[in-house]
Protein backbone atom coordinates (compact mmCIF):
# COMPACT_ATOMS: atom_id res chain seq x y z
CA UNK A 1 -106.22 -58.77 107.22
CA UNK A 2 -102.54 -58.73 107.73
CA UNK A 3 -102.24 -62.25 106.07
CA UNK A 4 -104.56 -60.83 103.02
CA UNK A 5 -102.59 -57.91 102.46
CA UNK A 6 -99.14 -59.96 102.56
CA UNK A 7 -100.97 -62.59 100.28
CA UNK A 8 -101.81 -59.29 97.71
CA UNK A 9 -98.07 -58.24 97.94
CA UNK A 10 -96.77 -61.58 97.02
CA UNK A 11 -99.50 -62.14 94.19
CA UNK A 12 -98.55 -58.73 92.55
CA UNK A 13 -94.91 -59.14 92.76
CA UNK A 14 -95.14 -62.77 91.48
CA UNK A 15 -96.33 -61.34 88.05
CA UNK A 16 -93.06 -60.00 86.34
CA UNK A 17 -91.25 -63.00 87.86
CA UNK A 18 -93.50 -65.75 86.51
CA UNK A 19 -93.52 -63.95 82.89
CA UNK A 20 -96.96 -62.94 82.97
CA UNK A 21 -96.09 -59.31 82.94
CA UNK A 22 -93.70 -58.70 80.09
CA UNK A 23 -90.84 -57.07 81.00
CA UNK A 24 -89.29 -54.72 77.99
CA UNK A 25 -87.00 -52.01 78.63
CA UNK A 26 -88.30 -49.71 75.37
CA UNK A 27 -91.28 -51.63 73.79
CA UNK A 28 -91.67 -50.82 70.39
CA UNK A 29 -93.79 -47.36 69.44
CA UNK A 30 -95.39 -45.76 66.51
CA UNK A 31 -92.78 -43.69 65.00
CA UNK A 32 -92.49 -41.86 62.00
CA UNK A 33 -90.07 -43.17 60.02
CA UNK A 34 -87.86 -46.78 59.81
CA UNK A 35 -84.36 -47.57 58.03
CA UNK A 36 -83.43 -50.21 55.51
CA UNK A 37 -80.14 -51.94 55.67
CA UNK A 38 -78.78 -53.83 52.56
CA UNK A 39 -75.67 -55.78 52.61
CA UNK A 40 -74.58 -57.72 49.70
CA UNK A 41 -71.55 -60.64 49.70
CA UNK A 42 -68.24 -58.87 50.29
CA UNK A 43 -66.48 -57.73 46.82
CA UNK A 44 -69.90 -56.94 45.06
CA UNK A 45 -69.05 -53.86 43.06
CA UNK A 46 -70.91 -50.51 43.74
CA UNK A 47 -72.98 -50.95 40.35
CA UNK A 48 -74.51 -54.32 41.31
CA UNK A 49 -75.15 -53.01 44.88
CA UNK A 50 -77.01 -50.06 43.09
CA UNK A 51 -79.23 -52.45 40.85
CA UNK A 52 -80.51 -53.85 44.25
CA UNK A 53 -81.00 -50.35 45.41
CA UNK A 54 -82.99 -49.30 42.52
CA UNK A 55 -85.70 -52.38 42.85
CA UNK A 56 -86.14 -51.36 46.47
CA UNK A 57 -86.50 -47.64 45.40
CA UNK A 58 -89.39 -48.56 43.06
CA UNK A 59 -91.36 -50.58 45.74
CA UNK A 60 -90.82 -47.76 47.94
CA UNK A 61 -92.12 -45.27 45.03
CA UNK A 62 -95.40 -47.13 44.68
CA UNK A 63 -96.21 -47.20 48.62
CA UNK A 64 -98.63 -44.10 49.49
CA UNK A 65 -97.78 -44.52 52.82
CA UNK A 66 -94.12 -43.16 52.26
CA UNK A 67 -93.45 -39.31 51.82
CA UNK A 68 -89.71 -39.30 51.26
CA UNK A 69 -86.53 -41.29 51.47
CA UNK A 70 -82.76 -40.95 51.93
CA UNK A 71 -80.53 -43.47 50.56
CA UNK A 72 -76.74 -43.94 50.83
CA UNK A 73 -75.11 -46.54 48.59
CA UNK A 74 -71.40 -47.51 49.41
CA UNK A 75 -71.88 -47.25 53.56
CA UNK A 76 -73.83 -48.70 56.09
CA UNK A 77 -75.62 -47.07 59.13
CA UNK A 78 -73.18 -45.74 61.86
CA UNK A 79 -70.34 -45.63 59.68
CA UNK A 80 -68.21 -42.73 59.38
CA UNK A 81 -67.26 -42.77 55.79
CA UNK A 82 -67.84 -44.69 52.25
CA UNK A 83 -65.52 -47.60 51.13
CA UNK A 84 -68.29 -50.54 51.75
CA UNK A 85 -69.60 -50.81 47.87
CA UNK A 86 -71.68 -54.01 48.92
CA UNK A 87 -73.58 -51.80 51.44
CA UNK A 88 -76.45 -49.45 51.45
CA UNK A 89 -79.20 -47.64 53.38
CA UNK A 90 -82.19 -46.09 53.52
CA UNK A 91 -83.96 -43.83 56.05
CA UNK A 92 -87.88 -43.86 55.08
CA UNK A 93 -90.32 -41.31 56.22
CA UNK A 94 -93.75 -41.96 56.76
CA UNK A 95 -97.30 -40.05 56.31
CA UNK A 96 -99.24 -38.96 59.66
CA UNK A 97 -100.20 -41.63 62.29
CA UNK A 98 -104.10 -41.03 61.25
CA UNK A 99 -103.46 -42.00 57.58
CA UNK A 100 -101.87 -45.54 57.92
CA UNK A 101 -101.36 -48.40 59.94
CA UNK A 102 -98.89 -48.80 63.13
CA UNK A 103 -95.10 -48.67 62.03
CA UNK A 104 -94.49 -51.93 63.60
CA UNK A 105 -96.95 -53.20 61.01
CA UNK A 106 -94.96 -51.65 58.19
CA UNK A 107 -92.07 -52.50 59.24
CA UNK A 108 -92.93 -56.40 59.39
CA UNK A 109 -94.53 -55.47 55.96
CA UNK A 110 -91.19 -54.56 54.22
CA UNK A 111 -89.31 -57.03 55.90
CA UNK A 112 -91.34 -59.60 54.33
CA UNK A 113 -91.68 -57.92 50.84
CA UNK A 114 -88.01 -57.43 50.54
CA UNK A 115 -86.83 -60.61 52.24
CA UNK A 116 -86.43 -62.62 48.79
CA UNK A 117 -85.46 -59.47 46.70
CA UNK A 118 -82.00 -60.50 45.18
CA UNK A 119 -78.70 -62.14 46.98
CA UNK A 120 -78.32 -59.95 49.80
CA UNK A 121 -79.07 -59.69 53.66
CA UNK A 122 -81.81 -57.13 53.72
CA UNK A 123 -82.85 -55.87 57.36
CA UNK A 124 -85.89 -53.37 58.12
CA UNK A 125 -86.12 -51.86 61.52
CA UNK A 126 -87.37 -48.75 63.52
CA UNK A 127 -85.57 -46.56 66.02
CA UNK A 128 -87.68 -47.31 69.18
CA UNK A 129 -87.34 -44.94 72.33
CA UNK A 130 -84.85 -45.30 74.59
CA UNK A 131 -80.74 -45.29 73.92
CA UNK A 132 -79.23 -46.72 70.68
CA UNK A 133 -78.74 -50.59 70.92
CA UNK A 134 -77.58 -52.87 68.46
CA UNK A 135 -80.40 -55.39 68.94
CA UNK A 136 -82.94 -56.48 71.91
CA UNK A 137 -81.52 -60.10 71.54
CA UNK A 138 -77.74 -60.42 72.05
CA UNK A 139 -76.13 -64.11 72.31
CA UNK A 140 -72.32 -63.88 73.01
CA UNK A 141 -70.17 -66.95 72.82
CA UNK A 142 -66.79 -67.03 74.04
CA UNK A 143 -63.76 -69.30 73.58
CA UNK A 144 -60.57 -69.67 71.80
CA UNK A 145 -60.75 -71.61 68.55
CA UNK A 146 -62.15 -69.59 65.65
CA UNK A 147 -64.05 -72.32 64.01
CA UNK A 148 -65.51 -74.14 67.04
CA UNK A 149 -67.09 -70.32 67.41
CA UNK A 150 -68.24 -70.10 64.22
CA UNK A 151 -70.15 -73.66 64.32
CA UNK A 152 -71.47 -72.84 67.52
CA UNK A 153 -72.86 -69.40 66.58
CA UNK A 154 -74.41 -71.27 63.27
CA UNK A 155 -76.52 -73.40 65.82
CA UNK A 156 -77.49 -70.49 67.80
CA UNK A 157 -78.47 -68.39 64.52
CA UNK A 158 -80.43 -71.14 63.23
CA UNK A 159 -82.26 -71.47 66.40
CA UNK A 160 -83.04 -68.08 66.84
CA UNK A 161 -84.50 -68.15 62.86
CA UNK A 162 -86.89 -70.78 63.77
CA UNK A 163 -88.36 -68.92 66.66
CA UNK A 164 -91.42 -67.31 66.38
CA UNK A 165 -91.42 -63.45 66.86
CA UNK A 166 -87.41 -63.21 65.98
CA UNK A 167 -86.56 -61.34 62.51
CA UNK A 168 -83.09 -59.94 61.10
CA UNK A 169 -81.19 -62.63 62.75
CA UNK A 170 -77.48 -61.80 62.38
CA UNK A 171 -74.23 -63.30 63.32
CA UNK A 172 -71.01 -61.22 63.78
CA UNK A 173 -69.23 -63.68 61.63
CA UNK A 174 -68.95 -61.86 58.15
CA UNK A 175 -69.90 -64.08 55.22
CA UNK A 176 -67.10 -63.74 52.92
CA UNK A 177 -66.28 -64.70 49.24
CA UNK A 178 -62.96 -66.52 50.21
CA UNK A 179 -59.47 -65.64 48.79
CA UNK A 180 -57.66 -67.13 46.35
CA UNK A 181 -54.33 -68.89 47.55
CA UNK A 182 -52.00 -69.46 44.55
CA UNK A 183 -48.78 -71.51 44.86
CA UNK A 184 -46.16 -71.45 42.22
CA UNK A 185 -44.66 -74.64 41.27
CA UNK A 186 -40.79 -72.70 40.49
CA UNK A 187 -39.56 -75.21 38.28
CA UNK A 188 -42.43 -75.54 36.07
CA UNK A 189 -42.54 -71.57 35.56
CA UNK A 190 -38.76 -71.64 35.05
CA UNK A 191 -39.78 -74.09 32.12
CA UNK A 192 -41.85 -71.62 30.79
CA UNK A 193 -39.61 -68.84 30.97
CA UNK A 194 -41.22 -66.98 33.71
CA UNK A 195 -39.84 -65.86 37.55
CA UNK A 196 -42.43 -65.51 39.96
CA UNK A 197 -41.60 -62.04 40.29
CA UNK A 198 -42.93 -61.58 36.98
CA UNK A 199 -46.18 -63.57 37.35
CA UNK A 200 -46.69 -61.50 40.60
CA UNK A 201 -46.46 -58.17 38.63
CA UNK A 202 -48.72 -59.66 35.96
CA UNK A 203 -51.37 -61.19 38.59
CA UNK A 204 -51.45 -57.62 40.20
CA UNK A 205 -51.99 -55.64 36.94
CA UNK A 206 -54.72 -58.24 35.95
CA UNK A 207 -56.38 -57.69 39.29
CA UNK A 208 -55.89 -53.86 40.15
CA UNK A 209 -55.40 -52.81 36.63
CA UNK A 210 -52.61 -50.64 34.83
CA UNK A 211 -52.46 -46.89 34.32
CA UNK A 212 -52.44 -47.34 30.29
CA UNK A 213 -51.84 -43.58 29.32
CA UNK A 214 -53.58 -40.55 30.69
CA UNK A 215 -55.80 -38.28 28.99
CA UNK A 216 -56.47 -34.23 29.54
CA UNK A 217 -59.64 -33.46 29.60
CA UNK A 218 -61.29 -29.97 30.15
CA UNK A 219 -57.44 -29.19 32.19
CA UNK A 220 -57.81 -32.27 34.13
CA UNK A 221 -55.70 -35.29 33.83
CA UNK A 222 -57.71 -38.66 33.82
CA UNK A 223 -55.82 -41.94 34.09
CA UNK A 224 -56.96 -44.56 31.73
CA UNK A 225 -56.63 -47.93 33.54
CA UNK A 226 -56.90 -51.35 31.84
CA UNK A 227 -57.41 -54.43 33.78
CA UNK A 228 -59.29 -57.71 33.33
CA UNK A 229 -62.76 -58.16 33.87
CA UNK A 230 -62.59 -61.35 36.32
CA UNK A 231 -66.54 -61.57 36.65
CA UNK A 232 -66.95 -62.61 32.55
CA UNK A 233 -66.00 -65.77 31.36
CA UNK A 234 -66.76 -66.83 27.97
CA UNK A 235 -69.21 -64.13 27.37
CA UNK A 236 -70.93 -64.74 30.39
CA UNK A 237 -71.71 -62.20 33.26
CA UNK A 238 -71.13 -63.52 36.93
CA UNK A 239 -71.62 -61.83 40.13
CA UNK A 240 -68.37 -63.38 41.23
CA UNK A 241 -65.28 -64.47 40.24
CA UNK A 242 -65.14 -68.01 40.60
CA UNK A 243 -61.98 -70.63 40.70
CA UNK A 244 -62.48 -71.46 37.15
CA UNK A 245 -61.71 -68.27 35.77
CA UNK A 246 -58.63 -67.99 37.64
CA UNK A 247 -57.31 -71.30 36.90
CA UNK A 248 -57.98 -70.44 33.09
CA UNK A 249 -56.40 -66.75 33.18
CA UNK A 250 -53.99 -66.68 30.29
CA UNK A 251 -50.39 -65.58 31.17
CA UNK A 252 -48.02 -64.14 28.64
CA UNK A 253 -44.57 -66.23 28.24
CA UNK A 254 -41.66 -66.59 26.00
CA UNK A 255 -43.83 -69.76 24.82
CA UNK A 256 -46.74 -67.80 24.26
CA UNK A 257 -50.21 -67.58 26.37
CA UNK A 258 -50.07 -70.16 29.02
CA UNK A 259 -53.08 -71.05 31.63
CA UNK A 260 -52.04 -70.36 34.97
CA UNK A 261 -53.35 -73.69 36.41
CA UNK A 262 -50.34 -74.99 34.16
CA UNK A 263 -47.75 -74.27 36.52
CA UNK A 264 -49.64 -73.07 39.97
CA UNK A 265 -52.10 -74.69 42.24
CA UNK A 266 -55.00 -72.52 43.02
CA UNK A 267 -57.49 -73.06 46.11
CA UNK A 268 -60.05 -70.77 47.43
CA UNK A 269 -60.13 -70.56 51.10
CA UNK A 270 -62.32 -68.90 53.66
CA UNK A 271 -60.94 -65.92 54.98
CA UNK A 272 -62.11 -63.34 58.17
CA UNK A 273 -62.37 -59.41 57.74
CA UNK A 274 -62.33 -59.15 61.45
CA UNK A 275 -61.89 -61.08 64.87
CA UNK A 276 -64.06 -59.67 67.72
CA UNK A 277 -62.72 -59.66 71.41
CA UNK A 278 -64.38 -58.71 74.68
CA UNK A 279 -62.39 -58.47 78.08
CA UNK A 280 -59.48 -59.96 76.03
CA UNK A 281 -61.31 -63.19 74.71
CA UNK A 282 -62.36 -63.74 71.14
CA UNK A 283 -66.47 -63.62 70.96
CA UNK A 284 -68.93 -64.33 68.47
CA UNK A 285 -72.09 -62.30 68.60
CA UNK A 286 -75.67 -63.74 67.43
CA UNK A 287 -77.97 -60.90 66.98
CA UNK A 288 -81.84 -60.75 66.30
CA UNK A 289 -84.57 -57.92 66.49
CA UNK A 290 -88.22 -59.25 67.38
CA UNK A 291 -91.40 -58.22 65.89
CA UNK A 292 -94.26 -56.33 67.35
CA UNK A 293 -95.82 -58.48 70.27
CA UNK A 294 -92.63 -60.53 71.09
CA UNK A 295 -90.35 -59.40 73.91
CA UNK A 296 -86.54 -60.16 74.21
CA UNK A 297 -87.40 -62.19 77.54
CA UNK A 298 -89.71 -64.27 75.86
CA UNK A 299 -86.88 -65.22 72.92
CA UNK A 300 -84.11 -65.84 75.77
CA UNK A 301 -86.62 -67.95 77.83
CA UNK A 302 -87.19 -70.30 74.62
CA UNK A 303 -83.32 -70.41 73.77
CA UNK A 304 -82.62 -71.42 77.68
CA UNK A 305 -85.20 -74.39 77.13
CA UNK A 306 -83.24 -75.52 73.87
CA UNK A 307 -80.26 -75.16 76.14
CA UNK A 308 -81.67 -77.04 79.04
CA UNK A 309 -82.64 -79.92 76.72
CA UNK A 310 -79.16 -80.36 75.05
CA UNK A 311 -80.75 -79.14 71.44
CA UNK A 312 -77.90 -76.61 71.44
CA UNK A 313 -74.74 -77.89 72.54
CA UNK A 314 -71.91 -75.57 73.90
CA UNK A 315 -68.62 -77.02 73.67
CA UNK A 316 -66.52 -77.29 76.93
CA UNK A 317 -64.54 -74.29 77.94
CA UNK A 318 -66.58 -72.07 76.24
CA UNK A 319 -69.36 -70.01 77.54
CA UNK A 320 -72.55 -68.16 76.16
CA UNK A 321 -74.06 -65.22 77.59
CA UNK A 322 -77.57 -63.67 76.87
CA UNK A 323 -77.28 -59.94 76.50
CA UNK A 324 -79.06 -56.78 74.93
CA UNK A 325 -81.88 -56.06 76.03
CA UNK A 326 -81.64 -58.55 79.02
CA UNK A 327 -78.46 -56.97 80.24
CA UNK A 328 -80.32 -53.64 80.02
CA UNK A 329 -83.34 -54.92 81.99
CA UNK A 330 -80.79 -56.21 85.05
CA UNK A 331 -79.04 -52.91 84.93
CA UNK A 332 -82.44 -51.22 84.93
CA UNK A 333 -83.54 -52.94 88.01
CA UNK A 334 -80.36 -52.87 89.80
CA UNK A 335 -80.60 -48.96 89.67
CA UNK A 336 -84.47 -48.80 90.30
CA UNK A 337 -83.45 -50.92 93.32
CA UNK A 338 -80.74 -48.50 94.45
CA UNK A 339 -82.76 -45.27 93.99
CA UNK A 340 -85.39 -46.54 95.74
CA UNK A 341 -83.20 -47.38 98.76
CA UNK A 342 -82.04 -43.75 98.69
CA UNK A 343 -85.23 -42.64 98.39
CA UNK A 344 -86.86 -44.60 101.57
CA UNK A 345 -83.75 -43.68 103.25
CA UNK A 346 -84.45 -39.82 102.94
CA UNK A 347 -87.81 -39.81 103.60
CA UNK A 348 -87.29 -42.29 106.47
CA UNK A 349 -84.83 -39.50 107.89
CA UNK A 350 -87.01 -36.72 107.45
CA UNK A 351 -90.24 -38.82 109.09
CA UNK A 352 -88.46 -39.36 111.98
CA UNK A 353 -87.33 -35.66 112.53
CA UNK A 354 -90.59 -34.77 111.84
CA UNK A 355 -92.75 -37.28 113.64
CA UNK A 356 -89.55 -38.13 116.55
CA UNK A 357 -90.75 -41.65 116.43
CA UNK A 358 -89.31 -44.86 114.36
CA UNK A 359 -92.54 -46.55 114.93
CA UNK A 360 -94.67 -43.65 113.11
CA UNK A 361 -92.01 -43.37 110.48
CA UNK A 362 -92.24 -47.13 109.73
CA UNK A 363 -96.26 -47.34 109.68
CA UNK A 364 -95.89 -44.62 106.92
CA UNK A 365 -93.02 -46.50 104.77
CA UNK A 366 -95.33 -49.32 104.70
CA UNK A 367 -97.46 -47.61 102.32
CA UNK A 368 -94.58 -48.11 99.72
CA UNK A 369 -94.90 -51.78 99.14
CA UNK A 370 -99.06 -51.23 98.90
CA UNK A 371 -98.59 -49.10 95.93
CA UNK A 372 -96.78 -51.75 93.77
CA UNK A 373 -99.63 -54.02 94.73
CA UNK A 374 -101.44 -52.17 91.98
CA UNK A 375 -99.09 -51.56 89.46
CA UNK A 376 -98.28 -54.92 88.26
CA UNK A 377 -101.91 -56.15 87.85
CA UNK A 378 -102.82 -53.11 86.08
CA UNK A 379 -100.29 -52.94 83.83
CA UNK A 380 -100.79 -56.54 83.20
CA UNK A 381 -104.68 -55.97 82.64
CA UNK A 382 -104.06 -53.21 80.17
CA UNK A 383 -101.45 -55.62 78.20
CA UNK A 384 -98.51 -53.15 79.21
CA UNK A 385 -94.91 -54.33 79.50
CA UNK A 386 -93.02 -53.33 82.51
CA UNK A 387 -90.86 -50.63 80.68
CA UNK A 388 -88.17 -47.97 81.67
CA UNK A 389 -90.72 -45.42 81.83
CA UNK A 390 -92.89 -47.80 83.81
CA UNK A 391 -89.99 -47.84 86.24
CA UNK A 392 -89.39 -44.12 86.74
CA UNK A 393 -93.08 -44.19 87.61
CA UNK A 394 -92.59 -46.68 90.29
CA UNK A 395 -89.58 -44.88 91.81
CA UNK A 396 -91.65 -41.51 91.78
CA UNK A 397 -94.42 -43.56 93.47
CA UNK A 398 -92.17 -43.92 96.61
CA UNK A 399 -92.49 -40.24 97.18
CA UNK A 400 -96.16 -39.61 96.30
CA UNK A 401 -97.84 -42.31 98.34
CA UNK A 402 -96.37 -41.63 101.41
CA UNK A 403 -98.18 -38.11 101.54
CA UNK A 404 -101.71 -39.82 102.27
CA UNK A 405 -100.09 -41.73 105.13
CA UNK A 406 -98.49 -38.45 106.65
CA UNK A 407 -101.56 -36.69 106.55
CA UNK A 408 -103.57 -39.29 108.29
CA UNK A 409 -100.80 -39.76 111.05
CA UNK A 410 -100.11 -36.14 111.80
CA UNK A 411 -104.11 -35.99 112.01
CA UNK A 412 -104.49 -38.79 114.45
CA UNK A 413 -101.64 -37.23 116.48
CA UNK A 414 -103.46 -33.76 116.92
CA UNK A 415 -106.79 -35.72 118.04
CA UNK A 416 -105.22 -38.11 120.35
CA UNK A 417 -104.14 -35.29 122.59
CA UNK A 418 -108.00 -34.95 123.96
CA UNK A 419 -109.64 -38.10 122.87
CA UNK A 420 -109.22 -41.93 123.27
CA UNK A 421 -107.21 -43.87 120.84
CA UNK A 422 -110.03 -45.57 119.04
CA UNK A 423 -111.88 -42.33 119.01
CA UNK A 424 -108.75 -40.08 117.63
CA UNK A 425 -108.11 -42.73 114.71
CA UNK A 426 -112.08 -42.40 113.81
CA UNK A 427 -112.28 -38.86 113.85
CA UNK A 428 -108.95 -38.36 111.92
CA UNK A 429 -110.35 -41.02 109.13
CA UNK A 430 -113.52 -38.95 108.75
CA UNK A 431 -111.69 -35.75 108.61
CA UNK A 432 -109.13 -36.57 106.25
CA UNK A 433 -111.19 -39.04 103.67
CA UNK A 434 -112.33 -36.44 101.51
CA UNK A 435 -109.08 -34.59 101.04
CA UNK A 436 -107.19 -37.67 100.60
CA UNK A 437 -109.59 -39.03 98.09
CA UNK A 438 -109.87 -35.38 96.15
CA UNK A 439 -105.81 -35.25 96.23
CA UNK A 440 -105.87 -39.13 94.74
CA UNK A 441 -108.46 -38.36 91.65
CA UNK A 442 -107.36 -34.93 90.73
CA UNK A 443 -103.55 -36.53 90.62
CA UNK A 444 -104.87 -39.34 88.46
CA UNK A 445 -106.77 -37.11 86.17
CA UNK A 446 -103.74 -35.19 85.83
CA UNK A 447 -102.01 -37.85 84.84
CA UNK A 448 -104.32 -39.60 83.02
CA UNK A 449 -103.98 -37.46 79.23
CA UNK A 450 -100.23 -38.11 79.38
CA UNK A 451 -101.01 -42.24 79.78
CA UNK A 452 -103.81 -41.89 77.22
CA UNK A 453 -102.05 -40.07 74.24
CA UNK A 454 -98.39 -40.37 74.63
CA UNK A 455 -97.70 -44.23 73.73
CA UNK A 456 -94.08 -43.83 75.15
CA UNK A 457 -94.98 -42.73 78.42
CA UNK A 458 -98.01 -44.91 78.55
CA UNK A 459 -96.46 -47.32 81.06
CA UNK A 460 -95.29 -44.40 83.57
CA UNK A 461 -98.66 -43.11 83.36
CA UNK A 462 -100.61 -45.97 84.48
CA UNK A 463 -98.00 -47.25 86.77
CA UNK A 464 -98.39 -44.11 88.89
CA UNK A 465 -102.44 -44.06 88.28
CA UNK A 466 -102.88 -47.83 89.31
CA UNK A 467 -100.23 -47.36 92.34
CA UNK A 468 -102.01 -44.36 93.52
CA UNK A 469 -105.29 -45.76 93.72
CA UNK A 470 -104.53 -49.02 95.13
CA UNK A 471 -101.98 -47.50 98.07
CA UNK A 472 -104.83 -44.68 98.57
CA UNK A 473 -107.80 -47.50 99.24
CA UNK A 474 -105.43 -49.59 101.53
CA UNK A 475 -103.59 -46.79 103.21
CA UNK A 476 -107.11 -45.63 104.76
CA UNK A 477 -107.57 -48.98 106.06
CA UNK A 478 -104.12 -50.62 106.86
CA UNK A 479 -102.48 -47.16 108.37
CA UNK A 480 -105.12 -46.86 111.07
CA UNK A 481 -104.86 -50.68 111.85
CA UNK A 482 -101.00 -50.61 112.39
CA UNK A 483 -101.14 -47.49 114.24
CA UNK A 484 -103.69 -48.89 116.75
CA UNK A 485 -101.69 -52.11 117.31
CA UNK A 486 -98.14 -50.60 117.69
CA UNK A 487 -98.67 -47.37 119.13
CA UNK A 488 -101.61 -47.98 121.30
CA UNK A 489 -99.52 -47.27 124.62
């Protein structure tokens, strides 16, 4: 029997290790709201961002599943103020759960519906249970050269986009419109009778505008600013200012209107709005959300496979770390292990004091791994991931499952005073069978409504239910056998 129990423990514990049991700290749940983030290219004026927002609003207003929404233009989620004219965000409220499909399905629907709407990056996400985090999948590339970091990040971004179940794949390298670098030929400028200081002033007024006059309206002074519309050339309105517009910009000189390109070399260069550091090192992060039915662990496994097969080449002296939910999983398991060790030590101390026997305390503690024999297969059977609430349930089991063993051993000790060992064990089993089963059944029935009705606590409830059922059945067999083997004298 001992070999059978050991094989059961090994088979059960291997389920999360082999990936048969999904590990997802905070799985998506059916919520009553979701968010939409809109980001157009940097430099996009507020008016053009508003036009795209209007298109999204029209689609939301046509949907009967949506009760209301709040939209902010010129800011992004999590920011403390305005100033990002190329960004907008929506908070969308849904009807009751019984009047619609799952919020996960609605999020996927709107991600597909809005993905091709305008020249913008549109992300549709929902707030899951658990602490706020940027994304379930975070790949961090660390190195020195910015261009190499960007190129490596693009490889991972392309790979994540092709993996089934990923969505809203982003890189921390922000796409910018670049900047115009103007090098003045001083000799040519002097021939046209214009100095570099004068030229700089003209360009500044052209881009930023100059206050022509002040208009007093209802007691308030309003500045009238005049500037050149650089997004309109030859009557054609464009989203962005191109390099030809800058080159053909006419500059007033003593010799008349002269194109800027006549005495200046204009180039368009890429620029950076931020350089991220982590622990003093330059880093670039590639992030991704996962669709319903896909876990971060599955995505990371596919990324590792591609890295191992050299489909993603990481330059020398550069490192790649897989974080996000992966870091949460490792930290949660470490915290769970420490909590269980502490709980076992406290329980062991109390048992030794109560029974005045190290052997009896160890026999009682043997029921703890028996509980996990039921937890992992039970969650796998119901297609539930091992989540953070499930881990809480496992820690709670440590204190619950020992109760039956304590009750059984205490009765054996009492009956052994006037009976033989085998007779005392048999009598204790008969006396405590009904109370142990009734206690287990009432506990299971008490937790069952929580496990069935509350999606967020489903893994916690079923972890306790399956663990308690299996440990109870095995305790009634294993504890008497161990007691007879090690305490016969």
